């Protein structure tokens, strides 16, 4: 069952990008006891998102768009986040 931060990430990304595909994966258990593990069970995430909003954008621009949509979550409320942001035309 998703925790509150995972739910918030999902809601924010759905609202900002109307994604074709969105997977928010909580990797926190793999980092238990490591640096950045705050004990919340929501310290590390992988995000895979595909949206037309990313068409024509560089990898860095896409990362910045996702981070901007998430506000204070990356780096403040979540220790680490891996982002794979895809555009539909990336599959061609």
PDB file of N, CA and C in Angstrom:
ATOM      1  N   UNK A   1       0.840  -1.182   0.000  1.00  0.00           N
ATOM      2  CA  UNK A   1       0.000   0.000   0.000  1.00  0.00           C
ATOM      3  C   UNK A   1       0.888   1.249   0.000  1.00  0.00           C
ATOM      4  N   UNK A   2       0.628   2.164  -0.936  1.00  0.00           N
ATOM      5  CA  UNK A   2       1.475   3.361  -1.020  1.00  0.00           C
ATOM      6  C   UNK A   2       1.356   4.248   0.215  1.00  0.00           C
ATOM      7  N   UNK A   3       2.488   4.834   0.596  1.00  0.00           N
ATOM      8  CA  UNK A   3       2.500   5.770   1.711  1.00  0.00           C
ATOM      9  C   UNK A   3       2.087   7.151   1.253  1.00  0.00           C
ATOM     10  N   UNK A   4       2.006   8.098   2.180  1.00  0.00           N
ATOM     11  CA  UNK A   4       1.533   9.441   1.842  1.00  0.00           C
ATOM     12  C   UNK A   4       2.421  10.189   0.846  1.00  0.00           C
ATOM     13  N   UNK A   5       3.720  10.025   0.930  1.00  0.00           N
ATOM     14  CA  UNK A   5       4.603  10.724  -0.013  1.00  0.00           C
ATOM     15  C   UNK A   5       4.472  10.097  -1.400  1.00  0.00           C
ATOM     16  N   UNK A   6       4.418   8.786  -1.464  1.00  0.00           N
ATOM     17  CA  UNK A   6       4.253   8.110  -2.753  1.00  0.00           C
ATOM     18  C   UNK A   6       2.940   8.541  -3.422  1.00  0.00           C
ATOM     19  N   UNK A   7       1.880   8.633  -2.646  1.00  0.00           N
ATOM     20  CA  UNK A   7       0.597   9.096  -3.184  1.00  0.00           C
ATOM     21  C   UNK A   7       0.701  10.529  -3.679  1.00  0.00           C
ATOM     22  N   UNK A   8       1.359  11.377  -2.918  1.00  0.00           N
ATOM     23  CA  UNK A   8       1.510  12.777  -3.306  1.00  0.00           C
ATOM     24  C   UNK A   8       2.319  12.909  -4.594  1.00  0.00           C
ATOM     25  N   UNK A   9       3.399  12.144  -4.709  1.00  0.00           N
ATOM     26  CA  UNK A   9       4.210  12.148  -5.934  1.00  0.00           C
ATOM     27  C   UNK A   9       3.336  11.776  -7.130  1.00  0.00           C
ATOM     28  N   UNK A  10       2.573  10.708  -6.990  1.00  0.00           N
ATOM     29  CA  UNK A  10       1.704  10.237  -8.070  1.00  0.00           C
ATOM     30  C   UNK A  10       0.691  11.312  -8.464  1.00  0.00           C
ATOM     31  N   UNK A  11       0.036  11.896  -7.478  1.00  0.00           N
ATOM     32  CA  UNK A  11      -0.980  12.926  -7.751  1.00  0.00           C
ATOM     33  C   UNK A  11      -0.372  14.151  -8.434  1.00  0.00           C
ATOM     34  N   UNK A  12       0.772  14.609  -7.957  1.00  0.00           N
ATOM     35  CA  UNK A  12       1.411  15.783  -8.542  1.00  0.00           C
ATOM     36  C   UNK A  12       1.830  15.539  -9.991  1.00  0.00           C
ATOM     37  N   UNK A  13       2.396  14.365 -10.251  1.00  0.00           N
ATOM     38  CA  UNK A  13       2.851  14.062 -11.608  1.00  0.00           C
ATOM     39  C   UNK A  13       1.678  13.853 -12.563  1.00  0.00           C
ATOM     40  N   UNK A  14       0.615  13.219 -12.083  1.00  0.00           N
ATOM     41  CA  UNK A  14      -0.565  13.042 -12.926  1.00  0.00           C
ATOM     42  C   UNK A  14      -1.172  14.395 -13.288  1.00  0.00           C
ATOM     43  N   UNK A  15      -1.234  15.302 -12.331  1.00  0.00           N
ATOM     44  CA  UNK A  15      -1.803  16.629 -12.582  1.00  0.00           C
ATOM     45  C   UNK A  15      -0.933  17.453 -13.529  1.00  0.00           C
ATOM     46  N   UNK A  16       0.377  17.365 -13.371  1.00  0.00           N
ATOM     47  CA  UNK A  16       1.292  18.201 -14.156  1.00  0.00           C
ATOM     48  C   UNK A  16       1.487  17.711 -15.586  1.00  0.00           C
ATOM     49  N   UNK A  17       1.473  16.381 -15.786  1.00  0.00           N
ATOM     50  CA  UNK A  17       1.897  15.845 -17.072  1.00  0.00           C
ATOM     51  C   UNK A  17       0.871  14.971 -17.794  1.00  0.00           C
ATOM     52  N   UNK A  18      -0.234  14.631 -17.167  1.00  0.00           N
ATOM     53  CA  UNK A  18      -1.221  13.731 -17.785  1.00  0.00           C
ATOM     54  C   UNK A  18      -0.500  12.561 -18.473  1.00  0.00           C
ATOM     55  N   UNK A  19       0.261  11.788 -17.704  1.00  0.00           N
ATOM     56  CA  UNK A  19       1.141  10.778 -18.308  1.00  0.00           C
ATOM     57  C   UNK A  19       0.397   9.615 -18.967  1.00  0.00           C
ATOM     58  N   UNK A  20       1.035   9.094 -20.002  1.00  0.00           N
ATOM     59  CA  UNK A  20       0.592   7.871 -20.665  1.00  0.00           C
ATOM     60  C   UNK A  20       0.960   6.691 -19.769  1.00  0.00           C
ATOM     61  N   UNK A  21       2.100   6.813 -19.118  1.00  0.00           N
ATOM     62  CA  UNK A  21       2.638   5.776 -18.229  1.00  0.00           C
ATOM     63  C   UNK A  21       3.219   6.469 -17.013  1.00  0.00           C
ATOM     64  N   UNK A  22       2.921   5.936 -15.842  1.00  0.00           N
ATOM     65  CA  UNK A  22       3.526   6.453 -14.607  1.00  0.00           C
ATOM     66  C   UNK A  22       3.716   5.311 -13.632  1.00  0.00           C
ATOM     67  N   UNK A  23       4.960   5.073 -13.274  1.00  0.00           N
ATOM     68  CA  UNK A  23       5.299   4.104 -12.234  1.00  0.00           C
ATOM     69  C   UNK A  23       6.122   4.825 -11.174  1.00  0.00           C
ATOM     70  N   UNK A  24       5.596   4.865  -9.961  1.00  0.00           N
ATOM     71  CA  UNK A  24       6.317   5.425  -8.825  1.00  0.00           C
ATOM     72  C   UNK A  24       6.676   4.236  -7.946  1.00  0.00           C
ATOM     73  N   UNK A  25       7.968   3.958  -7.867  1.00  0.00           N
ATOM     74  CA  UNK A  25       8.459   2.763  -7.187  1.00  0.00           C
ATOM     75  C   UNK A  25       9.204   3.175  -5.923  1.00  0.00           C
ATOM     76  N   UNK A  26       8.756   2.659  -4.794  1.00  0.00           N
ATOM     77  CA  UNK A  26       9.403   2.955  -3.519  1.00  0.00           C
ATOM     78  C   UNK A  26      10.569   1.986  -3.331  1.00  0.00           C
ATOM     79  N   UNK A  27      11.779   2.514  -3.420  1.00  0.00           N
ATOM     80  CA  UNK A  27      13.012   1.720  -3.273  1.00  0.00           C
ATOM     81  C   UNK A  27      13.590   1.790  -1.871  1.00  0.00           C
ATOM     82  N   UNK A  28      12.875   2.376  -0.939  1.00  0.00           N
ATOM     83  CA  UNK A  28      13.421   2.665   0.385  1.00  0.00           C
ATOM     84  C   UNK A  28      13.914   1.431   1.127  1.00  0.00           C
ATOM     85  N   UNK A  29      13.221   0.319   0.978  1.00  0.00           N
ATOM     86  CA  UNK A  29      13.618  -0.899   1.696  1.00  0.00           C
ATOM     87  C   UNK A  29      15.014  -1.362   1.287  1.00  0.00           C
ATOM     88  N   UNK A  30      15.390  -1.095   0.046  1.00  0.00           N
ATOM     89  CA  UNK A  30      16.720  -1.480  -0.438  1.00  0.00           C
ATOM     90  C   UNK A  30      17.822  -0.617   0.179  1.00  0.00           C
ATOM     91  N   UNK A  31      17.444   0.500   0.775  1.00  0.00           N
ATOM     92  CA  UNK A  31      18.412   1.434   1.336  1.00  0.00           C
ATOM     93  C   UNK A  31      18.327   1.518   2.862  1.00  0.00           C
ATOM     94  N   UNK A  32      17.620   0.586   3.466  1.00  0.00           N
ATOM     95  CA  UNK A  32      17.456   0.579   4.924  1.00  0.00           C
ATOM     96  C   UNK A  32      18.819   0.575   5.609  1.00  0.00           C
ATOM     97  N   UNK A  33      19.021   1.525   6.499  1.00  0.00           N
ATOM     98  CA  UNK A  33      20.272   1.625   7.247  1.00  0.00           C
ATOM     99  C   UNK A  33      21.368   2.381   6.522  1.00  0.00           C
ATOM    100  N   UNK A  34      21.128   2.771   5.286  1.00  0.00           N
ATOM    101  CA  UNK A  34      22.124   3.515   4.519  1.00  0.00           C
ATOM    102  C   UNK A  34      21.939   5.012   4.731  1.00  0.00           C
ATOM    103  N   UNK A  35      22.855   5.766   4.182  1.00  0.00           N
ATOM    104  CA  UNK A  35      22.766   7.222   4.239  1.00  0.00           C
ATOM    105  C   UNK A  35      21.448   7.692   3.629  1.00  0.00           C
ATOM    106  N   UNK A  36      20.788   8.584   4.304  1.00  0.00           N
ATOM    107  CA  UNK A  36      19.540   9.133   3.799  1.00  0.00           C
ATOM    108  C   UNK A  36      18.306   8.373   4.219  1.00  0.00           C
ATOM    109  N   UNK A  37      18.468   7.201   4.824  1.00  0.00           N
ATOM    110  CA  UNK A  37      17.311   6.446   5.314  1.00  0.00           C
ATOM    111  C   UNK A  37      16.847   7.093   6.607  1.00  0.00           C
ATOM    112  N   UNK A  38      15.696   7.738   6.542  1.00  0.00           N
ATOM    113  CA  UNK A  38      15.185   8.459   7.710  1.00  0.00           C
ATOM    114  C   UNK A  38      14.237   7.616   8.558  1.00  0.00           C
ATOM    115  N   UNK A  39      14.059   6.355   8.174  1.00  0.00           N
ATOM    116  CA  UNK A  39      13.184   5.470   8.932  1.00  0.00           C
ATOM    117  C   UNK A  39      11.716   5.593   8.561  1.00  0.00           C
ATOM    118  N   UNK A  40      11.390   6.497   7.651  1.00  0.00           N
ATOM    119  CA  UNK A  40       9.988   6.700   7.266  1.00  0.00           C
ATOM    120  C   UNK A  40       9.477   5.632   6.307  1.00  0.00           C
ATOM    121  N   UNK A  41      10.409   4.927   5.657  1.00  0.00           N
ATOM    122  CA  UNK A  41      10.010   3.976   4.639  1.00  0.00           C
ATOM    123  C   UNK A  41       9.695   4.655   3.313  1.00  0.00           C
ATOM    124  N   UNK A  42       9.954   5.967   3.237  1.00  0.00           N
ATOM    125  CA  UNK A  42       9.717   6.720   2.001  1.00  0.00           C
ATOM    126  C   UNK A  42      10.864   7.699   1.754  1.00  0.00           C
ATOM    127  N   UNK A  43      12.068   7.151   1.636  1.00  0.00           N
ATOM    128  CA  UNK A  43      13.246   7.998   1.466  1.00  0.00           C
ATOM    129  C   UNK A  43      13.873   7.894   0.077  1.00  0.00           C
ATOM    130  N   UNK A  44      13.568   6.837  -0.666  1.00  0.00           N
ATOM    131  CA  UNK A  44      14.178   6.597  -1.967  1.00  0.00           C
ATOM    132  C   UNK A  44      13.095   6.136  -2.953  1.00  0.00           C
ATOM    133  N   UNK A  45      13.049   6.782  -4.134  1.00  0.00           N
ATOM    134  CA  UNK A  45      12.050   6.425  -5.140  1.00  0.00           C
ATOM    135  C   UNK A  45      12.659   6.379  -6.529  1.00  0.00           C
ATOM    136  N   UNK A  46      12.071   5.546  -7.372  1.00  0.00           N
ATOM    137  CA  UNK A  46      12.330   5.546  -8.802  1.00  0.00           C
ATOM    138  C   UNK A  46      11.029   5.940  -9.475  1.00  0.00           C
ATOM    139  N   UNK A  47      11.132   6.874 -10.422  1.00  0.00           N
ATOM    140  CA  UNK A  47       9.960   7.328 -11.166  1.00  0.00           C
ATOM    141  C   UNK A  47      10.204   7.052 -12.643  1.00  0.00           C
ATOM    142  N   UNK A  48       9.256   6.356 -13.257  1.00  0.00           N
ATOM    143  CA  UNK A  48       9.255   6.160 -14.705  1.00  0.00           C
ATOM    144  C   UNK A  48       7.981   6.819 -15.203  1.00  0.00           C
ATOM    145  N   UNK A  49       8.138   7.837 -16.046  1.00  0.00           N
ATOM    146  CA  UNK A  49       6.997   8.602 -16.520  1.00  0.00           C
ATOM    147  C   UNK A  49       7.142   8.839 -18.026  1.00  0.00           C
ATOM    148  N   UNK A  50       6.024   8.667 -18.735  1.00  0.00           N
ATOM    149  CA  UNK A  50       5.990   8.962 -20.161  1.00  0.00           C
ATOM    150  C   UNK A  50       4.855   9.945 -20.404  1.00  0.00           C
ATOM    151  N   UNK A  51       5.187  11.031 -21.091  1.00  0.00           N
ATOM    152  CA  UNK A  51       4.205  12.077 -21.346  1.00  0.00           C
ATOM    153  C   UNK A  51       4.581  12.851 -22.599  1.00  0.00           C
ATOM    154  N   UNK A  52       3.575  13.299 -23.323  1.00  0.00           N
ATOM    155  CA  UNK A  52       3.808  14.157 -24.465  1.00  0.00           C
ATOM    156  C   UNK A  52       4.464  15.476 -24.081  1.00  0.00           C
ATOM    157  N   UNK A  53       4.343  15.859 -22.822  1.00  0.00           N
ATOM    158  CA  UNK A  53       4.963  17.104 -22.339  1.00  0.00           C
ATOM    159  C   UNK A  53       6.481  17.076 -22.473  1.00  0.00           C
ATOM    160  N   UNK A  54       7.067  15.889 -22.590  1.00  0.00           N
ATOM    161  CA  UNK A  54       8.519  15.765 -22.675  1.00  0.00           C
ATOM    162  C   UNK A  54       9.037  15.760 -24.114  1.00  0.00           C
ATOM    163  N   UNK A  55       8.143  15.758 -25.096  1.00  0.00           N
ATOM    164  CA  UNK A  55       8.562  15.751 -26.499  1.00  0.00           C
ATOM    165  C   UNK A  55       9.406  16.978 -26.811  1.00  0.00           C
ATOM    166  N   UNK A  56      10.525  16.745 -27.480  1.00  0.00           N
ATOM    167  CA  UNK A  56      11.408  17.833 -27.873  1.00  0.00           C
ATOM    168  C   UNK A  56      12.267  18.390 -26.757  1.00  0.00           C
ATOM    169  N   UNK A  57      12.192  17.795 -25.589  1.00  0.00           N
ATOM    170  CA  UNK A  57      12.977  18.259 -24.441  1.00  0.00           C
ATOM    171  C   UNK A  57      14.178  17.342 -24.219  1.00  0.00           C
ATOM    172  N   UNK A  58      15.271  17.926 -23.751  1.00  0.00           N
ATOM    173  CA  UNK A  58      16.459  17.135 -23.421  1.00  0.00           C
ATOM    174  C   UNK A  58      16.216  16.349 -22.134  1.00  0.00           C
ATOM    175  N   UNK A  59      17.093  15.418 -21.872  1.00  0.00           N
ATOM    176  CA  UNK A  59      16.995  14.628 -20.647  1.00  0.00           C
ATOM    177  C   UNK A  59      17.040  15.541 -19.416  1.00  0.00           C
ATOM    178  N   UNK A  60      17.930  16.512 -19.438  1.00  0.00           N
ATOM    179  CA  UNK A  60      18.062  17.443 -18.313  1.00  0.00           C
ATOM    180  C   UNK A  60      16.803  18.291 -18.154  1.00  0.00           C
ATOM    181  N   UNK A  61      16.248  18.778 -19.250  1.00  0.00           N
ATOM    182  CA  UNK A  61      15.018  19.567 -19.179  1.00  0.00           C
ATOM    183  C   UNK A  61      13.872  18.741 -18.584  1.00  0.00           C
ATOM    184  N   UNK A  62      13.786  17.491 -18.969  1.00  0.00           N
ATOM    185  CA  UNK A  62      12.739  16.599 -18.453  1.00  0.00           C
ATOM    186  C   UNK A  62      12.890  16.394 -16.953  1.00  0.00           C
ATOM    187  N   UNK A  63      14.126  16.164 -16.521  1.00  0.00           N
ATOM    188  CA  UNK A  63      14.397  15.983 -15.087  1.00  0.00           C
ATOM    189  C   UNK A  63      13.985  17.230 -14.310  1.00  0.00           C
ATOM    190  N   UNK A  64      14.330  18.383 -14.845  1.00  0.00           N
ATOM    191  CA  UNK A  64      13.992  19.644 -14.185  1.00  0.00           C
ATOM    192  C   UNK A  64      12.479  19.845 -14.128  1.00  0.00           C
ATOM    193  N   UNK A  65      11.778  19.463 -15.183  1.00  0.00           N
ATOM    194  CA  UNK A  65      10.317  19.585 -15.211  1.00  0.00           C
ATOM    195  C   UNK A  65       9.686  18.721 -14.112  1.00  0.00           C
ATOM    196  N   UNK A  66      10.175  17.490 -13.981  1.00  0.00           N
ATOM    197  CA  UNK A  66       9.647  16.582 -12.955  1.00  0.00           C
ATOM    198  C   UNK A  66       9.952  17.135 -11.568  1.00  0.00           C
ATOM    199  N   UNK A  67      11.186  17.538 -11.353  1.00  0.00           N
ATOM    200  CA  UNK A  67      11.565  18.092 -10.040  1.00  0.00           C
ATOM    201  C   UNK A  67      10.732  19.323  -9.701  1.00  0.00           C
ATOM    202  N   UNK A  68      10.502  20.196 -10.677  1.00  0.00           N
ATOM    203  CA  UNK A  68       9.700  21.399 -10.439  1.00  0.00           C
ATOM    204  C   UNK A  68       8.269  21.026 -10.055  1.00  0.00           C
ATOM    205  N   UNK A  69       7.717  20.028 -10.720  1.00  0.00           N
ATOM    206  CA  UNK A  69       6.346  19.595 -10.423  1.00  0.00           C
ATOM    207  C   UNK A  69       6.235  19.020  -9.014  1.00  0.00           C
ATOM    208  N   UNK A  70       7.334  18.461  -8.512  1.00  0.00           N
ATOM    209  CA  UNK A  70       7.315  17.815  -7.191  1.00  0.00           C
ATOM    210  C   UNK A  70       7.633  18.780  -6.045  1.00  0.00           C
ATOM    211  N   UNK A  71       7.956  20.023  -6.366  1.00  0.00           N
ATOM    212  CA  UNK A  71       8.171  21.027  -5.318  1.00  0.00           C
ATOM    213  C   UNK A  71       9.271  20.661  -4.343  1.00  0.00           C
ATOM    214  N   UNK A  72       8.919  20.609  -3.051  1.00  0.00           N
ATOM    215  CA  UNK A  72       9.925  20.376  -2.008  1.00  0.00           C
ATOM    216  C   UNK A  72      10.178  18.891  -1.731  1.00  0.00           C
ATOM    217  N   UNK A  73       9.582  18.006  -2.511  1.00  0.00           N
ATOM    218  CA  UNK A  73       9.766  16.573  -2.234  1.00  0.00           C
ATOM    219  C   UNK A  73      11.202  16.132  -2.529  1.00  0.00           C
ATOM    220  N   UNK A  74      11.731  16.357  -3.743  1.00  0.00           N
ATOM    221  CA  UNK A  74      13.107  15.891  -4.012  1.00  0.00           C
ATOM    222  C   UNK A  74      14.134  16.672  -3.192  1.00  0.00           C
ATOM    223  N   UNK A  75      14.991  15.940  -2.509  1.00  0.00           N
ATOM    224  CA  UNK A  75      16.081  16.566  -1.774  1.00  0.00           C
ATOM    225  C   UNK A  75      15.728  17.086  -0.397  1.00  0.00           C
ATOM    226  N   UNK A  76      14.461  17.311  -0.133  1.00  0.00           N
ATOM    227  CA  UNK A  76      14.058  17.803   1.184  1.00  0.00           C
ATOM    228  C   UNK A  76      13.243  16.748   1.930  1.00  0.00           C
ATOM    229  N   UNK A  77      12.198  16.270   1.301  1.00  0.00           N
ATOM    230  CA  UNK A  77      11.344  15.274   1.959  1.00  0.00           C
ATOM    231  C   UNK A  77      11.685  13.852   1.535  1.00  0.00           C
ATOM    232  N   UNK A  78      12.385  13.721   0.418  1.00  0.00           N
ATOM    233  CA  UNK A  78      12.850  12.423  -0.066  1.00  0.00           C
ATOM    234  C   UNK A  78      14.344  12.559  -0.324  1.00  0.00           C
ATOM    235  N   UNK A  79      15.113  11.606   0.167  1.00  0.00           N
ATOM    236  CA  UNK A  79      16.571  11.685   0.064  1.00  0.00           C
ATOM    237  C   UNK A  79      17.058  11.501  -1.372  1.00  0.00           C
ATOM    238  N   UNK A  80      16.518  10.516  -2.080  1.00  0.00           N
ATOM    239  CA  UNK A  80      17.019  10.212  -3.424  1.00  0.00           C
ATOM    240  C   UNK A  80      15.875   9.816  -4.344  1.00  0.00           C
ATOM    241  N   UNK A  81      15.988  10.281  -5.591  1.00  0.00           N
ATOM    242  CA  UNK A  81      14.952  10.005  -6.565  1.00  0.00           C
ATOM    243  C   UNK A  81      15.615   9.782  -7.917  1.00  0.00           C
ATOM    244  N   UNK A  82      15.351   8.647  -8.517  1.00  0.00           N
ATOM    245  CA  UNK A  82      15.811   8.343  -9.864  1.00  0.00           C
ATOM    246  C   UNK A  82      14.639   8.603 -10.800  1.00  0.00           C
ATOM    247  N   UNK A  83      14.869   9.388 -11.850  1.00  0.00           N
ATOM    248  CA  UNK A  83      13.795   9.775 -12.756  1.00  0.00           C
ATOM    249  C   UNK A  83      14.124   9.337 -14.174  1.00  0.00           C
ATOM    250  N   UNK A  84      13.209   8.579 -14.765  1.00  0.00           N
ATOM    251  CA  UNK A  84      13.292   8.244 -16.183  1.00  0.00           C
ATOM    252  C   UNK A  84      12.081   8.879 -16.834  1.00  0.00           C
ATOM    253  N   UNK A  85      12.276  10.001 -17.524  1.00  0.00           N
ATOM    254  CA  UNK A  85      11.188  10.744 -18.151  1.00  0.00           C
ATOM    255  C   UNK A  85      11.257  10.539 -19.657  1.00  0.00           C
ATOM    256  N   UNK A  86      10.201   9.963 -20.202  1.00  0.00           N
ATOM    257  CA  UNK A  86      10.159   9.591 -21.614  1.00  0.00           C
ATOM    258  C   UNK A  86       9.075  10.349 -22.351  1.00  0.00           C
ATOM    259  N   UNK A  87       9.288  10.544 -23.652  1.00  0.00           N
ATOM    260  CA  UNK A  87       8.265  11.096 -24.528  1.00  0.00           C
ATOM    261  C   UNK A  87       7.786   9.974 -25.450  1.00  0.00           C
ATOM    262  N   UNK A  88       6.538  10.043 -25.910  1.00  0.00           N
ATOM    263  CA  UNK A  88       6.030   8.990 -26.799  1.00  0.00           C
ATOM    264  C   UNK A  88       6.915   8.775 -28.033  1.00  0.00           C
ATOM    265  N   UNK A  89       7.512   9.846 -28.564  1.00  0.00           N
ATOM    266  CA  UNK A  89       8.349   9.707 -29.752  1.00  0.00           C
ATOM    267  C   UNK A  89       9.726   9.115 -29.457  1.00  0.00           C
ATOM    268  N   UNK A  90      10.042   8.864 -28.206  1.00  0.00           N
ATOM    269  CA  UNK A  90      11.319   8.202 -27.861  1.00  0.00           C
ATOM    270  C   UNK A  90      11.343   6.757 -28.347  1.00  0.00           C
ATOM    271  N   UNK A  91      10.183   6.168 -28.595  1.00  0.00           N
ATOM    272  CA  UNK A  91      10.094   4.754 -28.982  1.00  0.00           C
ATOM    273  C   UNK A  91      10.282   4.545 -30.477  1.00  0.00           C
ATOM    274  N   UNK A  92      10.384   5.627 -31.221  1.00  0.00           N
ATOM    275  CA  UNK A  92      10.499   5.508 -32.691  1.00  0.00           C
ATOM    276  C   UNK A  92      11.913   5.194 -33.120  1.00  0.00           C
TER     277      UNK A  92
END
